[in-house]
Amino acid sequence: MTTRWETIATNFGPNDKPYGGGAFRVNGNEVISLKLVGPQLTFKPASELKDPETAEFTEAWMDDVSKRLNRRTVAFLTGTLHGGLVRTFQERGQSSAWWYSKNWLAVYISTGWMD
């Protein structure tokens, strides 16, 4: 039994940091993508830990779930499958939705925020 799926690219948008998946559409070689990403969390090196068995964040806000939620970002990217993607829109937000026309000439993006 064969599938109708075809692998086009396996390294989709790795240069957009922080890396994360999102909703995307492909038309030929063109790509548009909307993604919601959290903040980049970093950990102290082992030499700076109070307890060598417990990982510690580098900044205090990283340990607070509500503060991590408030540092999310909505990003809209455009580009090509093999040429890479570029952020064309970025806004702080905890949720997002989009609508785009069939020819991609119009894209509407809605971001949501709850404090």
C-alpha atoms as a PDB file:
ATOM      1  CA  MET A   1       0.000   0.000   0.000  1.00  0.00           C
ATOM      2  CA  THR A   2       1.443   3.374  -0.976  1.00  0.00           C
ATOM      3  CA  THR A   3       0.629   6.753   0.516  1.00  0.00           C
ATOM      4  CA  ARG A   4      -0.135   9.918  -1.379  1.00  0.00           C
ATOM      5  CA  TRP A   5       2.159  11.980   0.859  1.00  0.00           C
ATOM      6  CA  GLU A   6       5.419  13.343  -0.469  1.00  0.00           C
ATOM      7  CA  THR A   7       8.299  14.761   1.577  1.00  0.00           C
ATOM      8  CA  ILE A   8       9.197  18.199   0.238  1.00  0.00           C
ATOM      9  CA  ALA A   9      11.495  19.541   2.966  1.00  0.00           C
ATOM     10  CA  THR A  10      12.736  18.258   6.316  1.00  0.00           C
ATOM     11  CA  ASN A  11      14.345  21.449   7.642  1.00  0.00           C
ATOM     12  CA  PHE A  12      11.401  23.834   7.516  1.00  0.00           C
ATOM     13  CA  GLY A  13      12.239  27.188   9.146  1.00  0.00           C
ATOM     14  CA  PRO A  14      15.061  26.136  11.485  1.00  0.00           C
ATOM     15  CA  ASN A  15      16.659  29.614  11.495  1.00  0.00           C
ATOM     16  CA  ASP A  16      13.670  31.363  13.080  1.00  0.00           C
ATOM     17  CA  LYS A  17      14.412  31.379  16.816  1.00  0.00           C
ATOM     18  CA  PRO A  18      12.941  30.247  19.035  1.00  0.00           C
ATOM     19  CA  TYR A  19      12.259  27.273  16.807  1.00  0.00           C
ATOM     20  CA  GLY A  20       8.755  25.918  16.911  1.00  0.00           C
ATOM     21  CA  GLY A  21       6.043  24.561  14.727  1.00  0.00           C
ATOM     22  CA  GLY A  22       3.062  26.520  13.566  1.00  0.00           C
ATOM     23  CA  ALA A  23       0.212  26.559  11.110  1.00  0.00           C
ATOM     24  CA  PHE A  24       1.560  26.820   7.591  1.00  0.00           C
ATOM     25  CA  ARG A  25       0.455  26.657   3.981  1.00  0.00           C
ATOM     26  CA  VAL A  26       2.490  25.692   0.936  1.00  0.00           C
ATOM     27  CA  ASN A  27       1.725  26.799  -2.617  1.00  0.00           C
ATOM     28  CA  GLY A  28       4.334  25.443  -5.021  1.00  0.00           C
ATOM     29  CA  ASN A  29       7.588  26.619  -3.456  1.00  0.00           C
ATOM     30  CA  GLU A  30       6.010  29.536  -1.536  1.00  0.00           C
ATOM     31  CA  VAL A  31       5.281  29.245   2.184  1.00  0.00           C
ATOM     32  CA  ILE A  32       3.347  31.293   4.722  1.00  0.00           C
ATOM     33  CA  SER A  33       3.354  30.353   8.385  1.00  0.00           C
ATOM     34  CA  LEU A  34       1.758  31.584  11.607  1.00  0.00           C
ATOM     35  CA  LYS A  35       3.280  30.353  14.833  1.00  0.00           C
ATOM     36  CA  LEU A  36       2.929  30.971  18.531  1.00  0.00           C
ATOM     37  CA  VAL A  37       6.176  30.582  20.426  1.00  0.00           C
ATOM     38  CA  GLY A  38       7.097  30.734  24.047  1.00  0.00           C
ATOM     39  CA  PRO A  39      10.165  32.475  25.441  1.00  0.00           C
ATOM     40  CA  GLN A  40      13.590  30.907  25.208  1.00  0.00           C
ATOM     41  CA  LEU A  41      14.303  29.313  28.573  1.00  0.00           C
ATOM     42  CA  THR A  42      17.921  28.826  29.614  1.00  0.00           C
ATOM     43  CA  PHE A  43      19.531  26.961  32.499  1.00  0.00           C
ATOM     44  CA  LYS A  44      22.526  27.742  34.681  1.00  0.00           C
ATOM     45  CA  PRO A  45      25.694  25.751  34.072  1.00  0.00           C
ATOM     46  CA  ALA A  46      26.376  22.891  36.503  1.00  0.00           C
ATOM     47  CA  SER A  47      29.107  24.903  38.243  1.00  0.00           C
ATOM     48  CA  GLU A  48      26.552  27.536  39.375  1.00  0.00           C
ATOM     49  CA  LEU A  49      23.851  25.202  40.735  1.00  0.00           C
ATOM     50  CA  LYS A  50      22.898  25.254  44.419  1.00  0.00           C
ATOM     51  CA  ASP A  51      22.012  21.562  44.204  1.00  0.00           C
ATOM     52  CA  PRO A  52      23.842  19.572  41.494  1.00  0.00           C
ATOM     53  CA  GLU A  53      20.802  17.271  41.159  1.00  0.00           C
ATOM     54  CA  THR A  54      18.343  20.114  40.362  1.00  0.00           C
ATOM     55  CA  ALA A  55      18.328  22.265  37.238  1.00  0.00           C
ATOM     56  CA  GLU A  56      17.899  26.021  37.754  1.00  0.00           C
ATOM     57  CA  PHE A  57      16.757  28.689  35.297  1.00  0.00           C
ATOM     58  CA  THR A  58      19.151  31.562  34.606  1.00  0.00           C
ATOM     59  CA  GLU A  59      16.523  34.207  35.437  1.00  0.00           C
ATOM     60  CA  ALA A  60      13.875  34.208  38.193  1.00  0.00           C
ATOM     61  CA  TRP A  61      10.911  34.972  35.875  1.00  0.00           C
ATOM     62  CA  MET A  62      11.542  31.711  34.000  1.00  0.00           C
ATOM     63  CA  ASP A  63      10.441  29.732  37.060  1.00  0.00           C
ATOM     64  CA  ASP A  64       6.994  31.421  37.136  1.00  0.00           C
ATOM     65  CA  VAL A  65       4.417  29.793  34.814  1.00  0.00           C
ATOM     66  CA  SER A  66       2.272  32.942  34.529  1.00  0.00           C
ATOM     67  CA  LYS A  67       5.280  35.034  33.535  1.00  0.00           C
ATOM     68  CA  ARG A  68       6.306  32.490  30.893  1.00  0.00           C
ATOM     69  CA  LEU A  69       2.762  32.632  29.475  1.00  0.00           C
ATOM     70  CA  ASN A  70       2.958  36.436  29.262  1.00  0.00           C
ATOM     71  CA  ARG A  71       6.139  36.288  27.191  1.00  0.00           C
ATOM     72  CA  ARG A  72       4.667  34.378  24.248  1.00  0.00           C
ATOM     73  CA  THR A  73       4.908  35.826  20.741  1.00  0.00           C
ATOM     74  CA  VAL A  74       2.852  35.429  17.567  1.00  0.00           C
ATOM     75  CA  ALA A  75       4.962  35.486  14.406  1.00  0.00           C
ATOM     76  CA  PHE A  76       3.991  35.484  10.725  1.00  0.00           C
ATOM     77  CA  LEU A  77       6.637  34.241   8.320  1.00  0.00           C
ATOM     78  CA  THR A  78       6.844  34.244   4.532  1.00  0.00           C
ATOM     79  CA  GLY A  79       9.330  32.751   2.123  1.00  0.00           C
ATOM     80  CA  THR A  80      10.116  29.628   0.185  1.00  0.00           C
ATOM     81  CA  LEU A  81      10.647  26.006   1.113  1.00  0.00           C
ATOM     82  CA  HIS A  82      14.288  25.957   0.152  1.00  0.00           C
ATOM     83  CA  GLY A  83      15.174  29.655   0.439  1.00  0.00           C
ATOM     84  CA  GLY A  84      14.130  30.120   4.044  1.00  0.00           C
ATOM     85  CA  LEU A  85      11.513  32.122   5.891  1.00  0.00           C
ATOM     86  CA  VAL A  86      11.494  35.740   7.076  1.00  0.00           C
ATOM     87  CA  ARG A  87       9.397  37.206   9.883  1.00  0.00           C
ATOM     88  CA  THR A  88       7.101  39.830   8.396  1.00  0.00           C
ATOM     89  CA  PHE A  89       4.969  40.345  11.503  1.00  0.00           C
ATOM     90  CA  GLN A  90       5.531  39.803  15.216  1.00  0.00           C
ATOM     91  CA  GLU A  91       3.315  40.672  18.181  1.00  0.00           C
ATOM     92  CA  ARG A  92       3.150  39.626  21.807  1.00  0.00           C
ATOM     93  CA  GLY A  93       0.209  37.301  22.296  1.00  0.00           C
ATOM     94  CA  GLN A  94      -1.001  34.109  23.915  1.00  0.00           C
ATOM     95  CA  SER A  95      -3.259  32.975  21.075  1.00  0.00           C
ATOM     96  CA  SER A  96      -3.630  33.622  17.371  1.00  0.00           C
ATOM     97  CA  ALA A  97      -5.871  33.005  14.380  1.00  0.00           C
ATOM     98  CA  TRP A  98      -5.579  33.831  10.708  1.00  0.00           C
ATOM     99  CA  TRP A  99      -7.447  34.049   7.440  1.00  0.00           C
ATOM    100  CA  TYR A 100      -5.831  34.352   4.040  1.00  0.00           C
ATOM    101  CA  SER A 101      -7.220  34.784   0.538  1.00  0.00           C
ATOM    102  CA  LYS A 102      -6.783  32.016  -2.055  1.00  0.00           C
ATOM    103  CA  ASN A 103      -4.100  34.027  -3.869  1.00  0.00           C
ATOM    104  CA  TRP A 104      -2.354  35.002  -0.575  1.00  0.00           C
ATOM    105  CA  LEU A 105      -2.581  38.711  -1.422  1.00  0.00           C
ATOM    106  CA  ALA A 106      -4.574  39.350   1.756  1.00  0.00           C
ATOM    107  CA  VAL A 107      -3.748  37.894   5.168  1.00  0.00           C
ATOM    108  CA  TYR A 108      -5.600  38.833   8.354  1.00  0.00           C
ATOM    109  CA  ILE A 109      -4.017  37.970  11.688  1.00  0.00           C
ATOM    110  CA  SER A 110      -5.691  38.176  15.072  1.00  0.00           C
ATOM    111  CA  THR A 111      -3.738  37.914  18.305  1.00  0.00           C
ATOM    112  CA  GLY A 112      -5.220  37.363  21.734  1.00  0.00           C
ATOM    113  CA  TRP A 113      -4.046  38.309  25.184  1.00  0.00           C
ATOM    114  CA  MET A 114      -5.427  37.571  28.621  1.00  0.00           C
ATOM    115  CA  ASP A 115      -3.755  39.106  31.656  1.00  0.00           C
END
